[in-house]
Amino acid sequence: MEIIFPEIHAMEGVDQRKDYHHKDVFYHTLQVVDNISQKTPNIWLRYAALVHDIAKPATKKFIEGIGWTFHGHEDLGAKWQKKIFMRMKLPTDKLLYIEKLVRLHLRPIALAEENVTDSAIRRLIFEAGDEIFDLMTLCRADITSKDPQKIKTYLGNFDRVEKRMKAVEERDRIRNFQSPVRGDEIMKICSIPPSKTVGILKSKIEEAILDGIIPNEYNAALEYLYKIKDEILG
């Protein structure tokens, strides 16, 4: 493993300091792969389970009173995938899929809180797109506690997140959406040629929908465009 996949090899080992212990990332990862393999035959979803915590050794930090932390390991792990794919000659058409799952694998956990806004739910659905279901499968597999009550609690949290995602998606149709007002219409209304400004205006409309400022509807988006265009165009 040290030769074939050194990033995985680096996860092996248990850190201990005072009363703080962190479970071995390597063996945790193997458990996640085992868990997900019972739920899906998708080899790339299984691969995502293998690499989801791959950057933990590089982001490991001890904070007094808290213990071991791995802040940013999801973003760094996603960033590493390109070089890993190139080195191992993996099919590049799977790269974006793996990057997305690694980058987002902590997000559903944060959405389990009772006071999370619909806006946060919309953003996760938007960012995950068609991979939202695979992402939730990965998150469920990531539960490796030996405490049955903790497992029950975590799974219940994910059930709640999925219920809210379904309600938000049915109402707002966010998954894979784009601005209801398309680029050619923006150019016509604003009397501008194809340019970066067109993209900025589309993004402003999309952000307003994600933030819940306007509904994901054409008339509301068109009205919002007229409201913001002079400010953007200067």
Protein backbone atom coordinates (compact mmCIF):
# COMPACT_ATOMS: atom_id res chain seq x y z
CA MET A 1 0.00 0.00 0.00
CA GLU A 2 2.87 2.37 0.74
CA ILE A 3 4.02 1.94 -2.87
CA ILE A 4 0.70 1.61 -4.68
CA PHE A 5 -1.42 4.11 -2.74
CA PRO A 6 0.77 6.03 -0.26
CA GLU A 7 -2.05 8.42 0.72
CA ILE A 8 -4.02 5.48 2.08
CA HIS A 9 -0.95 4.07 3.83
CA ALA A 10 -0.46 7.41 5.60
CA MET A 11 -3.83 7.06 7.33
CA GLU A 12 -2.65 4.11 9.42
CA GLY A 13 -1.77 4.80 13.04
CA VAL A 14 -3.42 5.96 16.25
CA ASP A 15 -2.56 9.31 17.79
CA GLN A 16 -2.69 9.66 21.58
CA ARG A 17 -2.13 12.68 23.74
CA LYS A 18 -3.14 13.01 27.37
CA ASP A 19 -6.75 11.84 27.66
CA TYR A 20 -7.53 12.33 23.99
CA HIS A 21 -7.57 9.44 21.58
CA HIS A 22 -8.53 9.43 17.92
CA LYS A 23 -9.56 6.21 16.25
CA ASP A 24 -7.27 4.95 13.51
CA VAL A 25 -8.31 6.67 10.28
CA PHE A 26 -7.18 3.70 8.18
CA TYR A 27 -9.34 1.17 9.98
CA HIS A 28 -12.24 3.61 10.11
CA THR A 29 -11.95 3.93 6.34
CA LEU A 30 -11.99 0.16 5.87
CA GLN A 31 -15.17 0.01 7.95
CA VAL A 32 -16.77 2.71 5.79
CA VAL A 33 -15.87 0.77 2.64
CA ASP A 34 -17.34 -2.39 4.19
CA ASN A 35 -20.50 -0.50 5.16
CA ILE A 36 -21.04 1.04 1.75
CA SER A 37 -20.30 -2.21 -0.07
CA GLN A 38 -23.33 -3.72 1.64
CA LYS A 39 -25.51 -0.95 0.17
CA THR A 40 -24.26 -0.48 -3.39
CA PRO A 41 -22.42 -2.30 -6.19
CA ASN A 42 -21.27 1.09 -7.57
CA ILE A 43 -17.48 0.70 -7.61
CA TRP A 44 -16.93 4.47 -7.77
CA LEU A 45 -19.12 5.11 -4.77
CA ARG A 46 -17.04 2.48 -2.97
CA TYR A 47 -13.90 4.29 -4.14
CA ALA A 48 -15.30 7.54 -2.73
CA ALA A 49 -15.66 5.76 0.62
CA LEU A 50 -12.01 4.71 0.39
CA VAL A 51 -10.74 8.25 -0.18
CA HIS A 52 -13.26 10.41 1.70
CA ASP A 53 -10.88 10.98 4.66
CA ILE A 54 -7.66 10.71 2.68
CA ALA A 55 -6.39 14.18 3.68
CA LYS A 56 -6.89 13.74 7.42
CA PRO A 57 -3.20 13.02 8.10
CA ALA A 58 -2.21 16.23 6.29
CA THR A 59 -4.73 18.38 8.19
CA LYS A 60 -4.31 16.81 11.64
CA LYS A 61 -3.96 19.30 14.48
CA PHE A 62 -4.26 18.98 18.26
CA ILE A 63 -6.20 21.68 20.09
CA GLU A 64 -6.12 21.75 23.89
CA GLY A 65 -9.52 21.12 25.40
CA ILE A 66 -10.89 19.77 22.12
CA GLY A 67 -8.51 17.08 20.92
CA TRP A 68 -7.52 16.11 17.40
CA THR A 69 -9.06 18.13 14.58
CA PHE A 70 -8.92 17.74 10.80
CA HIS A 71 -10.30 21.04 9.56
CA GLY A 72 -10.46 21.32 5.78
CA HIS A 73 -9.65 17.66 5.10
CA GLU A 74 -12.69 17.38 2.83
CA ASP A 75 -11.56 20.24 0.57
CA LEU A 76 -7.93 19.12 0.48
CA GLY A 77 -8.97 15.51 -0.15
CA ALA A 78 -11.08 16.61 -3.10
CA LYS A 79 -8.19 18.70 -4.44
CA TRP A 80 -5.84 15.69 -4.28
CA GLN A 81 -8.05 13.53 -6.48
CA LYS A 82 -6.80 14.93 -9.78
CA LYS A 83 -3.17 14.02 -9.10
CA ILE A 84 -4.22 10.60 -7.79
CA PHE A 85 -6.32 9.95 -10.90
CA MET A 86 -3.44 10.97 -13.15
CA ARG A 87 -0.88 8.88 -11.29
CA MET A 88 -3.06 5.78 -11.14
CA LYS A 89 -4.46 6.26 -14.66
CA LEU A 90 -8.05 6.21 -13.43
CA PRO A 91 -10.83 7.22 -15.88
CA THR A 92 -11.03 11.00 -15.81
CA ASP A 93 -14.76 11.01 -16.51
CA LYS A 94 -15.20 9.89 -12.89
CA LEU A 95 -13.01 12.63 -11.42
CA LEU A 96 -15.69 15.30 -10.89
CA TYR A 97 -17.97 12.73 -9.28
CA ILE A 98 -15.32 11.69 -6.76
CA GLU A 99 -14.23 15.27 -6.07
CA LYS A 100 -17.81 16.27 -5.34
CA LEU A 101 -18.50 13.40 -2.94
CA VAL A 102 -15.25 13.93 -1.04
CA ARG A 103 -15.76 17.69 -0.83
CA LEU A 104 -19.37 17.44 0.39
CA HIS A 105 -19.25 14.38 2.65
CA LEU A 106 -19.44 16.42 5.87
CA ARG A 107 -22.21 18.77 4.75
CA PRO A 108 -25.27 16.59 5.49
CA ILE A 109 -24.03 16.10 9.06
CA ALA A 110 -24.09 19.85 9.62
CA LEU A 111 -27.65 20.01 8.28
CA ALA A 112 -29.01 17.66 10.93
CA GLU A 113 -29.49 20.53 13.38
CA GLU A 114 -33.07 21.59 14.06
CA ASN A 115 -32.49 25.28 13.25
CA VAL A 116 -30.87 24.80 9.83
CA THR A 117 -32.46 27.05 7.22
CA ASP A 118 -34.08 26.00 3.97
CA SER A 119 -31.38 28.03 2.25
CA ALA A 120 -28.67 25.68 3.55
CA ILE A 121 -30.70 22.69 2.36
CA ARG A 122 -31.17 24.27 -1.08
CA ARG A 123 -27.44 24.92 -1.42
CA LEU A 124 -26.53 21.32 -0.65
CA ILE A 125 -29.09 20.02 -3.16
CA PHE A 126 -27.79 22.49 -5.75
CA GLU A 127 -24.12 21.64 -5.18
CA ALA A 128 -24.64 17.88 -5.05
CA GLY A 129 -27.00 17.73 -8.05
CA ASP A 130 -27.65 14.18 -9.23
CA GLU A 131 -25.08 12.90 -6.76
CA ILE A 132 -27.22 13.85 -3.75
CA PHE A 133 -28.44 10.26 -3.26
CA ASP A 134 -24.93 8.80 -3.49
CA LEU A 135 -23.74 11.48 -1.06
CA MET A 136 -26.32 10.43 1.52
CA THR A 137 -25.35 6.76 1.04
CA LEU A 138 -21.73 7.71 1.74
CA CYS A 139 -22.70 9.71 4.82
CA ARG A 140 -24.66 6.80 6.26
CA ALA A 141 -21.73 4.44 5.63
CA ASP A 142 -19.46 6.91 7.44
CA ILE A 143 -21.16 6.04 10.74
CA THR A 144 -18.79 3.57 12.38
CA SER A 145 -19.53 4.00 16.07
CA LYS A 146 -19.66 0.86 18.21
CA ASP A 147 -22.42 2.45 20.28
CA PRO A 148 -25.82 1.27 18.91
CA GLN A 149 -27.57 4.31 20.41
CA LYS A 150 -25.21 6.70 18.64
CA ILE A 151 -25.77 4.90 15.35
CA LYS A 152 -29.53 5.13 15.86
CA THR A 153 -29.25 8.86 16.60
CA TYR A 154 -27.04 9.57 13.58
CA LEU A 155 -29.27 7.61 11.21
CA GLY A 156 -32.29 9.44 12.61
CA ASN A 157 -30.54 12.74 11.89
CA PHE A 158 -29.93 11.72 8.29
CA ASP A 159 -33.56 10.62 7.96
CA ARG A 160 -34.58 14.11 9.06
CA VAL A 161 -32.19 15.75 6.58
CA GLU A 162 -33.46 13.60 3.71
CA LYS A 163 -37.07 14.41 4.61
CA ARG A 164 -36.33 18.13 4.53
CA MET A 165 -34.37 17.81 1.28
CA LYS A 166 -37.31 16.05 -0.34
CA ALA A 167 -39.72 18.77 0.82
CA VAL A 168 -37.44 21.60 -0.37
CA GLU A 169 -36.76 19.92 -3.72
CA GLU A 170 -40.44 19.28 -4.38
CA ARG A 171 -41.25 22.90 -3.60
CA ASP A 172 -38.28 24.72 -5.15
CA ARG A 173 -36.98 22.29 -7.84
CA ILE A 174 -33.37 23.18 -7.04
CA ARG A 175 -31.44 20.10 -8.19
CA ASN A 176 -29.51 20.92 -11.39
CA PHE A 177 -31.41 24.17 -11.83
CA GLN A 178 -30.20 27.26 -13.70
CA SER A 179 -31.46 30.82 -13.75
CA PRO A 180 -35.00 30.78 -15.20
CA VAL A 181 -33.92 33.82 -17.24
CA ARG A 182 -31.36 32.53 -19.70
CA GLY A 183 -28.28 34.27 -21.08
CA ASP A 184 -29.70 35.31 -24.46
CA GLU A 185 -32.66 37.00 -22.79
CA ILE A 186 -30.39 38.77 -20.31
CA MET A 187 -28.33 40.12 -23.23
CA LYS A 188 -31.47 41.37 -24.98
CA ILE A 189 -32.97 43.02 -21.89
CA CYS A 190 -29.69 44.63 -20.84
CA SER A 191 -28.51 45.43 -24.39
CA ILE A 192 -25.13 43.80 -23.82
CA PRO A 193 -23.05 41.35 -25.88
CA PRO A 194 -21.89 37.92 -24.67
CA SER A 195 -19.63 38.74 -21.74
CA LYS A 196 -18.68 38.04 -18.14
CA THR A 197 -21.45 40.41 -17.07
CA VAL A 198 -24.08 38.02 -18.41
CA GLY A 199 -22.71 35.29 -16.17
CA ILE A 200 -22.65 37.64 -13.18
CA LEU A 201 -26.31 38.52 -13.68
CA LYS A 202 -27.28 34.84 -14.02
CA SER A 203 -25.35 34.04 -10.85
CA LYS A 204 -27.08 36.86 -8.97
CA ILE A 205 -30.47 35.43 -9.91
CA GLU A 206 -29.40 31.90 -8.92
CA GLU A 207 -28.03 33.14 -5.58
CA ALA A 208 -31.31 34.95 -4.87
CA ILE A 209 -33.21 31.71 -5.48
CA LEU A 210 -30.85 29.68 -3.28
CA ASP A 211 -31.13 32.26 -0.50
CA GLY A 212 -34.93 32.20 -0.71
CA ILE A 213 -35.17 35.87 -1.75
CA ILE A 214 -37.22 34.89 -4.80
CA PRO A 215 -38.92 31.63 -5.80
CA ASN A 216 -37.50 29.45 -8.57
CA GLU A 217 -39.97 30.86 -11.12
CA TYR A 218 -39.52 32.74 -14.38
CA ASN A 219 -41.61 35.83 -13.58
CA ALA A 220 -39.97 36.31 -10.18
CA ALA A 221 -36.50 35.88 -11.72
CA LEU A 222 -37.30 38.34 -14.52
CA GLU A 223 -38.53 40.93 -12.04
CA TYR A 224 -35.38 40.45 -9.97
CA LEU A 225 -33.21 40.94 -13.07
CA TYR A 226 -34.85 44.31 -13.76
CA LYS A 227 -34.28 45.22 -10.13
CA ILE A 228 -30.53 44.50 -10.08
CA LYS A 229 -29.38 45.08 -13.66
CA ASP A 230 -28.66 48.82 -13.38
CA GLU A 231 -26.53 48.31 -10.30
CA ILE A 232 -24.48 45.56 -11.99
CA LEU A 233 -24.19 47.38 -15.30
CA GLY A 234 -23.14 50.56 -13.55
